[in-house]
Structures are given as structure tokens and as C-alpha cells.
């Protein structure tokens, strides 16, 4: 779906409301759902290699407007006072359009999708992003499993057989004879 260095702007609370696991967590504690979303998106960002900015609406929170940079290409933004997440995303789309990259906005809010599209961004629904994140988790697990199977003995085929046998005896504490 995305290419390395594409920009993905995510409406955080929109994803929390749309992703089943997060919607359930939100009922217990919104902060836990927010943290889980950030964990999932952080893994996805690393896997996909894109620039990811998650925007949370702090419209009714006085003094907000903070950006946290988790890593070089992963940021979390809490909107300014009297600014909605939609307005912040629209502003960010405007800032990123000068960069020669594709810009995507992840939200299921149809009005926001149309506005973002009108400003030059592409849209991704909450459902599409959910499936992309889920698929990336499967791909990562498969790669880890295959890597473990491939590296049972990384020296096999690199070192002569007699050297491998000597090293194995040393590993088992049987001496170097």
C-alpha cells in the first residue's frame, strides 16, 4: 500500500473507535487504548518505513499543542487549544505537500477524507489501515520464524567441518582435542 518515505497522518481517536481491540480497551480506559494504538503503529512504521504522524484531538484541553517524536520518523501530535484533529491534519497536509512524497490520511470520517483529498492527500480508511497493520504483524512473525529456522548454525557452510566440530566440542565443555 505505502512506499518507504511516504507520509501517513493518522486520526488517532478515529482509529481507536474503529479498531475492535482498541474500542474495547477504550471502554475500560482511554489511555490504554491510546498507548496500544501507538505501540501497534510504531511497529507498523518500522516495518513499512514510512513517516508516520498520529494526531490526537485535544480540542477541549487547555494548553495542548504538543508534539512528541518517538523516533526520527514517528511522531505523536496533540492538537492546539481550540483546534480539532481534523483541522490539525488539514494543516499538516498543507505543510507536507511541498515535500515530494505521497501523503496519506487515515480516517473514516468522510468529510475529512474529502478535505484531505482536495488538499492533495490520498485517503486510507480505518479498516484499510487496520488490515495493513495486522498483515505487517503476520509478516514480521513469519520473518522471525523463518530467520530462526535458517540460523540454527550460522557457521555451517562457512567454516570447514573439522573446525565446526572442534567448536562444538568446546561449546559442550569437552575440551579442544
C-alpha atoms as a PDB file:
ATOM      1  CA  UNK A   1       0.000   0.000   0.000  1.00  0.00           C
ATOM      2  CA  UNK A   2       2.681   2.521   1.038  1.00  0.00           C
ATOM      3  CA  UNK A   3       6.194   3.149  -0.206  1.00  0.00           C
ATOM      4  CA  UNK A   4       9.171   3.963   2.003  1.00  0.00           C
ATOM      5  CA  UNK A   5       9.237   7.631   2.968  1.00  0.00           C
ATOM      6  CA  UNK A   6       5.529   8.169   2.231  1.00  0.00           C
ATOM      7  CA  UNK A   7       3.795  10.271   4.887  1.00  0.00           C
ATOM      8  CA  UNK A   8       0.875   8.798   6.817  1.00  0.00           C
ATOM      9  CA  UNK A   9      -1.211  11.108   9.004  1.00  0.00           C
ATOM     10  CA  UNK A  10      -3.452   9.148  11.367  1.00  0.00           C
ATOM     11  CA  UNK A  11      -6.523  10.445  13.202  1.00  0.00           C
ATOM     12  CA  UNK A  12      -5.785   8.626  16.457  1.00  0.00           C
ATOM     13  CA  UNK A  13      -9.192   8.688  18.116  1.00  0.00           C
ATOM     14  CA  UNK A  14     -10.841   7.705  14.843  1.00  0.00           C
ATOM     15  CA  UNK A  15      -8.711   4.534  14.768  1.00  0.00           C
ATOM     16  CA  UNK A  16      -9.471   3.823  18.434  1.00  0.00           C
ATOM     17  CA  UNK A  17     -13.190   3.986  17.735  1.00  0.00           C
ATOM     18  CA  UNK A  18     -12.938   1.831  14.610  1.00  0.00           C
ATOM     19  CA  UNK A  19     -10.495  -0.947  15.581  1.00  0.00           C
ATOM     20  CA  UNK A  20     -12.250  -3.650  17.648  1.00  0.00           C
ATOM     21  CA  UNK A  21      -9.420  -4.307  20.119  1.00  0.00           C
ATOM     22  CA  UNK A  22      -8.957  -0.590  20.772  1.00  0.00           C
ATOM     23  CA  UNK A  23     -12.671   0.186  21.008  1.00  0.00           C
ATOM     24  CA  UNK A  24     -12.932  -2.455  23.711  1.00  0.00           C
ATOM     25  CA  UNK A  25      -9.918  -1.072  25.576  1.00  0.00           C
ATOM     26  CA  UNK A  26     -11.366   2.448  25.329  1.00  0.00           C
ATOM     27  CA  UNK A  27     -14.393   1.364  27.336  1.00  0.00           C
ATOM     28  CA  UNK A  28     -12.116   0.493  30.256  1.00  0.00           C
ATOM     29  CA  UNK A  29      -9.502   3.240  29.955  1.00  0.00           C
ATOM     30  CA  UNK A  30      -8.926   5.583  27.026  1.00  0.00           C
ATOM     31  CA  UNK A  31      -5.236   5.994  27.878  1.00  0.00           C
ATOM     32  CA  UNK A  32      -4.670   2.231  27.498  1.00  0.00           C
ATOM     33  CA  UNK A  33      -6.322   2.267  24.067  1.00  0.00           C
ATOM     34  CA  UNK A  34      -4.179   5.232  23.039  1.00  0.00           C
ATOM     35  CA  UNK A  35      -0.990   3.509  24.235  1.00  0.00           C
ATOM     36  CA  UNK A  36      -1.902   0.278  22.447  1.00  0.00           C
ATOM     37  CA  UNK A  37      -2.590   2.175  19.212  1.00  0.00           C
ATOM     38  CA  UNK A  38       0.794   3.872  19.449  1.00  0.00           C
ATOM     39  CA  UNK A  39       2.520   0.523  20.054  1.00  0.00           C
ATOM     40  CA  UNK A  40       0.817  -1.026  17.035  1.00  0.00           C
ATOM     41  CA  UNK A  41       1.560   1.950  14.790  1.00  0.00           C
ATOM     42  CA  UNK A  42       5.161   2.152  15.988  1.00  0.00           C
ATOM     43  CA  UNK A  43       5.751  -1.456  14.918  1.00  0.00           C
ATOM     44  CA  UNK A  44       3.978  -0.784  11.634  1.00  0.00           C
ATOM     45  CA  UNK A  45       6.041   2.341  10.971  1.00  0.00           C
ATOM     46  CA  UNK A  46       9.255   0.399  11.469  1.00  0.00           C
ATOM     47  CA  UNK A  47       8.037  -2.349   9.149  1.00  0.00           C
ATOM     48  CA  UNK A  48       6.719  -0.062   6.407  1.00  0.00           C
ATOM     49  CA  UNK A  49       9.493   2.549   6.594  1.00  0.00           C
ATOM     50  CA  UNK A  50       7.140   5.466   6.206  1.00  0.00           C
ATOM     51  CA  UNK A  51       6.900   8.754   8.064  1.00  0.00           C
ATOM     52  CA  UNK A  52       4.012   8.385  10.486  1.00  0.00           C
ATOM     53  CA  UNK A  53       2.285  11.155  12.437  1.00  0.00           C
ATOM     54  CA  UNK A  54      -0.547  10.283  14.825  1.00  0.00           C
ATOM     55  CA  UNK A  55      -2.848  13.171  15.715  1.00  0.00           C
ATOM     56  CA  UNK A  56      -4.974  13.204  18.865  1.00  0.00           C
ATOM     57  CA  UNK A  57      -7.710  15.748  19.369  1.00  0.00           C
ATOM     58  CA  UNK A  58      -7.076  17.924  22.432  1.00  0.00           C
ATOM     59  CA  UNK A  59      -9.737  20.479  21.412  1.00  0.00           C
ATOM     60  CA  UNK A  60     -11.113  20.879  24.911  1.00  0.00           C
ATOM     61  CA  UNK A  61      -7.774  20.602  26.690  1.00  0.00           C
ATOM     62  CA  UNK A  62      -6.235  23.935  27.655  1.00  0.00           C
ATOM     63  CA  UNK A  63      -2.564  24.412  26.830  1.00  0.00           C
ATOM     64  CA  UNK A  64      -2.261  21.431  24.494  1.00  0.00           C
ATOM     65  CA  UNK A  65      -0.487  21.565  21.162  1.00  0.00           C
ATOM     66  CA  UNK A  66       2.397  19.256  21.916  1.00  0.00           C
ATOM     67  CA  UNK A  67       4.359  17.058  19.533  1.00  0.00           C
ATOM     68  CA  UNK A  68       6.326  14.072  20.766  1.00  0.00           C
ATOM     69  CA  UNK A  69       8.876  12.471  18.498  1.00  0.00           C
ATOM     70  CA  UNK A  70       9.150   8.785  19.342  1.00  0.00           C
ATOM     71  CA  UNK A  71      11.704   8.167  16.629  1.00  0.00           C
ATOM     72  CA  UNK A  72      13.020  10.040  13.653  1.00  0.00           C
ATOM     73  CA  UNK A  73      10.028   9.065  11.512  1.00  0.00           C
ATOM     74  CA  UNK A  74       7.295   8.568  14.125  1.00  0.00           C
ATOM     75  CA  UNK A  75       5.573  11.467  15.873  1.00  0.00           C
ATOM     76  CA  UNK A  76       2.529  11.972  18.060  1.00  0.00           C
ATOM     77  CA  UNK A  77       0.744  15.315  17.960  1.00  0.00           C
ATOM     78  CA  UNK A  78      -1.829  16.601  20.435  1.00  0.00           C
ATOM     79  CA  UNK A  79      -3.747  19.428  18.808  1.00  0.00           C
ATOM     80  CA  UNK A  80      -3.537  23.031  19.886  1.00  0.00           C
ATOM     81  CA  UNK A  81      -6.123  24.613  22.110  1.00  0.00           C
ATOM     82  CA  UNK A  82      -9.341  25.162  20.096  1.00  0.00           C
ATOM     83  CA  UNK A  83      -8.032  23.034  17.213  1.00  0.00           C
ATOM     84  CA  UNK A  84      -9.675  19.760  16.227  1.00  0.00           C
ATOM     85  CA  UNK A  85      -7.743  16.766  14.965  1.00  0.00           C
ATOM     86  CA  UNK A  86      -9.309  17.329  11.540  1.00  0.00           C
ATOM     87  CA  UNK A  87      -8.028  20.918  11.430  1.00  0.00           C
ATOM     88  CA  UNK A  88      -4.579  19.797  12.551  1.00  0.00           C
ATOM     89  CA  UNK A  89      -4.465  17.061   9.908  1.00  0.00           C
ATOM     90  CA  UNK A  90      -5.522  19.568   7.237  1.00  0.00           C
ATOM     91  CA  UNK A  91      -2.741  21.916   8.381  1.00  0.00           C
ATOM     92  CA  UNK A  92      -0.188  19.084   8.311  1.00  0.00           C
ATOM     93  CA  UNK A  93      -1.287  18.005   4.828  1.00  0.00           C
ATOM     94  CA  UNK A  94      -0.628  21.584   3.718  1.00  0.00           C
ATOM     95  CA  UNK A  95       2.831  21.531   5.306  1.00  0.00           C
ATOM     96  CA  UNK A  96       3.773  18.182   3.754  1.00  0.00           C
ATOM     97  CA  UNK A  97       2.515  18.871   0.224  1.00  0.00           C
ATOM     98  CA  UNK A  98       5.715  20.753  -0.602  1.00  0.00           C
ATOM     99  CA  UNK A  99       7.673  17.547   0.046  1.00  0.00           C
ATOM    100  CA  UNK A 100       7.987  15.215  -2.934  1.00  0.00           C
ATOM    101  CA  UNK A 101       6.267  12.278  -1.243  1.00  0.00           C
ATOM    102  CA  UNK A 102       2.827  10.740  -1.260  1.00  0.00           C
ATOM    103  CA  UNK A 103       0.750  11.886   1.696  1.00  0.00           C
ATOM    104  CA  UNK A 104      -1.985   9.658   3.112  1.00  0.00           C
ATOM    105  CA  UNK A 105      -4.618  10.494   5.693  1.00  0.00           C
ATOM    106  CA  UNK A 106      -6.019   7.607   7.732  1.00  0.00           C
ATOM    107  CA  UNK A 107      -9.538   8.359   8.896  1.00  0.00           C
ATOM    108  CA  UNK A 108     -13.018   7.026   8.325  1.00  0.00           C
ATOM    109  CA  UNK A 109     -14.523  10.500   8.609  1.00  0.00           C
ATOM    110  CA  UNK A 110     -15.859  11.061   5.070  1.00  0.00           C
ATOM    111  CA  UNK A 111     -15.762  14.850   5.297  1.00  0.00           C
ATOM    112  CA  UNK A 112     -12.144  14.754   6.429  1.00  0.00           C
ATOM    113  CA  UNK A 113     -11.293  12.326   3.630  1.00  0.00           C
ATOM    114  CA  UNK A 114     -12.745  14.722   1.048  1.00  0.00           C
ATOM    115  CA  UNK A 115     -10.960  17.745   2.507  1.00  0.00           C
ATOM    116  CA  UNK A 116      -7.629  15.897   2.659  1.00  0.00           C
ATOM    117  CA  UNK A 117      -8.088  14.646  -0.890  1.00  0.00           C
ATOM    118  CA  UNK A 118      -8.859  18.210  -2.017  1.00  0.00           C
ATOM    119  CA  UNK A 119      -5.568  19.340  -0.499  1.00  0.00           C
ATOM    120  CA  UNK A 120      -3.588  16.688  -2.377  1.00  0.00           C
ATOM    121  CA  UNK A 121      -3.517  13.789   0.088  1.00  0.00           C
ATOM    122  CA  UNK A 122      -4.729  10.251  -0.501  1.00  0.00           C
ATOM    123  CA  UNK A 123      -7.174   8.594   1.852  1.00  0.00           C
ATOM    124  CA  UNK A 124      -6.921   5.404   3.855  1.00  0.00           C
ATOM    125  CA  UNK A 125      -9.904   4.196   5.832  1.00  0.00           C
ATOM    126  CA  UNK A 126      -9.540   2.978   9.420  1.00  0.00           C
ATOM    127  CA  UNK A 127     -10.391  -0.512   8.188  1.00  0.00           C
ATOM    128  CA  UNK A 128      -7.712  -0.464   5.469  1.00  0.00           C
ATOM    129  CA  UNK A 129      -5.066   0.675   7.941  1.00  0.00           C
ATOM    130  CA  UNK A 130      -6.189  -1.929  10.473  1.00  0.00           C
ATOM    131  CA  UNK A 131      -5.714  -4.692   7.895  1.00  0.00           C
ATOM    132  CA  UNK A 132      -2.322  -3.305   6.812  1.00  0.00           C
ATOM    133  CA  UNK A 133      -1.137  -3.215  10.441  1.00  0.00           C
ATOM    134  CA  UNK A 134      -2.475  -6.728  11.053  1.00  0.00           C
ATOM    135  CA  UNK A 135      -0.772  -8.045   7.902  1.00  0.00           C
ATOM    136  CA  UNK A 136       2.518  -6.436   8.890  1.00  0.00           C
ATOM    137  CA  UNK A 137       2.373  -8.215  12.261  1.00  0.00           C
ATOM    138  CA  UNK A 138       1.866 -11.538  10.457  1.00  0.00           C
ATOM    139  CA  UNK A 139       4.738 -10.775   8.065  1.00  0.00           C
ATOM    140  CA  UNK A 140       7.049  -9.871  10.963  1.00  0.00           C
ATOM    141  CA  UNK A 141       6.195 -13.081  12.852  1.00  0.00           C
ATOM    142  CA  UNK A 142       6.774 -15.151   9.711  1.00  0.00           C
ATOM    143  CA  UNK A 143      10.140 -13.472   9.088  1.00  0.00           C
ATOM    144  CA  UNK A 144      11.211 -14.086  12.688  1.00  0.00           C
ATOM    145  CA  UNK A 145      10.161 -17.740  12.479  1.00  0.00           C
ATOM    146  CA  UNK A 146      11.952 -18.255   9.149  1.00  0.00           C
ATOM    147  CA  UNK A 147      15.050 -16.456  10.405  1.00  0.00           C
ATOM    148  CA  UNK A 148      15.248 -18.752  13.435  1.00  0.00           C
ATOM    149  CA  UNK A 149      14.902 -21.809  11.220  1.00  0.00           C
ATOM    150  CA  UNK A 150      17.570 -20.562   8.830  1.00  0.00           C
ATOM    151  CA  UNK A 151      20.087 -19.692  11.536  1.00  0.00           C
ATOM    152  CA  UNK A 152      20.301 -22.901  13.507  1.00  0.00           C
ATOM    153  CA  UNK A 153      24.023 -22.890  12.812  1.00  0.00           C
ATOM    154  CA  UNK A 154      25.085 -19.721  11.004  1.00  0.00           C
ATOM    155  CA  UNK A 155      28.645 -21.052  10.614  1.00  0.00           C
ATOM    156  CA  UNK A 156      27.521 -24.126   8.711  1.00  0.00           C
ATOM    157  CA  UNK A 157      28.911 -23.996   5.213  1.00  0.00           C
ATOM    158  CA  UNK A 158      31.264 -21.142   6.142  1.00  0.00           C
ATOM    159  CA  UNK A 159      33.807 -22.968   8.292  1.00  0.00           C
ATOM    160  CA  UNK A 160      35.474 -26.278   7.455  1.00  0.00           C
ATOM    161  CA  UNK A 161      33.803 -29.300   9.056  1.00  0.00           C
ATOM    162  CA  UNK A 162      36.738 -30.072  11.389  1.00  0.00           C
ATOM    163  CA  UNK A 163      36.714 -26.511  12.765  1.00  0.00           C
ATOM    164  CA  UNK A 164      32.948 -26.703  13.333  1.00  0.00           C
ATOM    165  CA  UNK A 165      33.377 -29.979  15.225  1.00  0.00           C
ATOM    166  CA  UNK A 166      36.140 -28.517  17.412  1.00  0.00           C
ATOM    167  CA  UNK A 167      33.993 -25.504  18.230  1.00  0.00           C
ATOM    168  CA  UNK A 168      31.024 -27.735  19.058  1.00  0.00           C
ATOM    169  CA  UNK A 169      33.172 -29.819  21.447  1.00  0.00           C
ATOM    170  CA  UNK A 170      34.381 -26.616  23.108  1.00  0.00           C
ATOM    171  CA  UNK A 171      30.793 -25.369  23.406  1.00  0.00           C
ATOM    172  CA  UNK A 172      29.815 -28.593  25.174  1.00  0.00           C
ATOM    173  CA  UNK A 173      32.798 -28.355  27.534  1.00  0.00           C
ATOM    174  CA  UNK A 174      34.502 -31.420  26.092  1.00  0.00           C
ATOM    175  CA  UNK A 175      37.809 -29.682  25.513  1.00  0.00           C
ATOM    176  CA  UNK A 176      39.671 -28.767  22.351  1.00  0.00           C
ATOM    177  CA  UNK A 177      41.012 -32.205  21.449  1.00  0.00           C
END
